Amino acid sequence: MPGHPPSDFGARPLTGAPADRWPDLPQVLATALAIDPTHRYATTEDFARALHDALPPHPRRD
């Protein structure tokens, strides 16, 4: 919301199973959601690559 500092949004750090299973995911999301646009990924391709690297392939269930 304009005029409100980020702490007013009630955002909490990613914890628990997601953070334990994918330890790089919190930083990827923090970068993607950075308030300062210069701290975000330059392109959606950069963001997709970071997500791909942070989330290992899911084993197939047949």
C-alpha atoms as a PDB file:
ATOM      1  CA  MET A   1       0.000   0.000   0.000  1.00  0.00           C
ATOM      2  CA  PRO A   2       1.370   3.406  -0.835  1.00  0.00           C
ATOM      3  CA  GLY A   3       2.576   5.318   2.177  1.00  0.00           C
ATOM      4  CA  HIS A   4       2.949   2.264   4.392  1.00  0.00           C
ATOM      5  CA  PRO A   5       6.309   0.755   5.283  1.00  0.00           C
ATOM      6  CA  PRO A   6       6.815  -2.906   4.314  1.00  0.00           C
ATOM      7  CA  SER A   7       6.483  -4.042   7.931  1.00  0.00           C
ATOM      8  CA  ASP A   8       2.815  -3.011   7.819  1.00  0.00           C
ATOM      9  CA  PHE A   9       2.064  -5.813   5.369  1.00  0.00           C
ATOM     10  CA  GLY A  10       2.561  -8.476   8.028  1.00  0.00           C
ATOM     11  CA  ALA A  11       5.037 -10.417   5.910  1.00  0.00           C
ATOM     12  CA  ARG A  12       6.743 -13.238   7.719  1.00  0.00           C
ATOM     13  CA  PRO A  13       9.874 -15.097   6.679  1.00  0.00           C
ATOM     14  CA  LEU A  14       9.401 -18.436   4.977  1.00  0.00           C
ATOM     15  CA  THR A  15       9.934 -21.091   7.642  1.00  0.00           C
ATOM     16  CA  GLY A  16       9.118 -24.695   8.344  1.00  0.00           C
ATOM     17  CA  ALA A  17       9.034 -27.433   5.731  1.00  0.00           C
ATOM     18  CA  PRO A  18       9.417 -25.170   2.650  1.00  0.00           C
ATOM     19  CA  ALA A  19      12.463 -23.406   4.070  1.00  0.00           C
ATOM     20  CA  ASP A  20      13.943 -26.689   5.305  1.00  0.00           C
ATOM     21  CA  ARG A  21      13.341 -28.508   2.033  1.00  0.00           C
ATOM     22  CA  TRP A  22      14.369 -25.651  -0.268  1.00  0.00           C
ATOM     23  CA  PRO A  23      16.854 -23.516   1.683  1.00  0.00           C
ATOM     24  CA  ASP A  24      17.534 -21.168  -1.262  1.00  0.00           C
ATOM     25  CA  LEU A  25      13.853 -20.392  -1.879  1.00  0.00           C
ATOM     26  CA  PRO A  26      13.472 -17.624   0.743  1.00  0.00           C
ATOM     27  CA  GLN A  27      16.274 -15.598  -0.848  1.00  0.00           C
ATOM     28  CA  VAL A  28      14.870 -16.119  -4.354  1.00  0.00           C
ATOM     29  CA  LEU A  29      11.458 -14.873  -3.217  1.00  0.00           C
ATOM     30  CA  ALA A  30      12.949 -11.970  -1.265  1.00  0.00           C
ATOM     31  CA  THR A  31      14.834 -10.866  -4.359  1.00  0.00           C
ATOM     32  CA  ALA A  32      11.735 -11.158  -6.555  1.00  0.00           C
ATOM     33  CA  LEU A  33       9.674  -9.128  -4.076  1.00  0.00           C
ATOM     34  CA  ALA A  34      12.287  -6.513  -3.206  1.00  0.00           C
ATOM     35  CA  ILE A  35      10.802  -3.079  -2.672  1.00  0.00           C
ATOM     36  CA  ASP A  36      13.667  -1.415  -4.531  1.00  0.00           C
ATOM     37  CA  PRO A  37      13.328  -2.458  -8.197  1.00  0.00           C
ATOM     38  CA  THR A  38      17.087  -2.350  -8.649  1.00  0.00           C
ATOM     39  CA  HIS A  39      17.347  -5.231  -6.152  1.00  0.00           C
ATOM     40  CA  ARG A  40      14.904  -7.448  -8.108  1.00  0.00           C
ATOM     41  CA  TYR A  41      15.705  -9.845 -10.921  1.00  0.00           C
ATOM     42  CA  ALA A  42      16.361  -7.939 -14.126  1.00  0.00           C
ATOM     43  CA  THR A  43      14.172 -10.229 -16.237  1.00  0.00           C
ATOM     44  CA  THR A  44      11.563 -12.917 -15.772  1.00  0.00           C
ATOM     45  CA  GLU A  45      14.094 -15.305 -17.294  1.00  0.00           C
ATOM     46  CA  ASP A  46      16.532 -14.488 -14.460  1.00  0.00           C
ATOM     47  CA  PHE A  47      13.767 -15.119 -11.927  1.00  0.00           C
ATOM     48  CA  ALA A  48      12.762 -18.393 -13.605  1.00  0.00           C
ATOM     49  CA  ARG A  49      16.386 -19.549 -13.626  1.00  0.00           C
ATOM     50  CA  ALA A  50      16.763 -18.728  -9.922  1.00  0.00           C
ATOM     51  CA  LEU A  51      13.559 -20.641  -9.115  1.00  0.00           C
ATOM     52  CA  HIS A  52      14.703 -23.581 -11.198  1.00  0.00           C
ATOM     53  CA  ASP A  53      18.028 -23.665  -9.359  1.00  0.00           C
ATOM     54  CA  ALA A  54      16.368 -23.302  -5.939  1.00  0.00           C
ATOM     55  CA  LEU A  55      13.759 -26.017  -6.509  1.00  0.00           C
ATOM     56  CA  PRO A  56      15.241 -29.394  -7.409  1.00  0.00           C
ATOM     57  CA  PRO A  57      13.262 -31.535  -9.847  1.00  0.00           C
ATOM     58  CA  HIS A  58      10.305 -33.278  -8.295  1.00  0.00           C
ATOM     59  CA  PRO A  59      10.555 -37.071  -8.534  1.00  0.00           C
ATOM     60  CA  ARG A  60       8.002 -38.534 -10.917  1.00  0.00           C
ATOM     61  CA  ARG A  61       5.194 -40.636  -9.519  1.00  0.00           C
ATOM     62  CA  ASP A  62       4.066 -43.334 -11.896  1.00  0.00           C
END
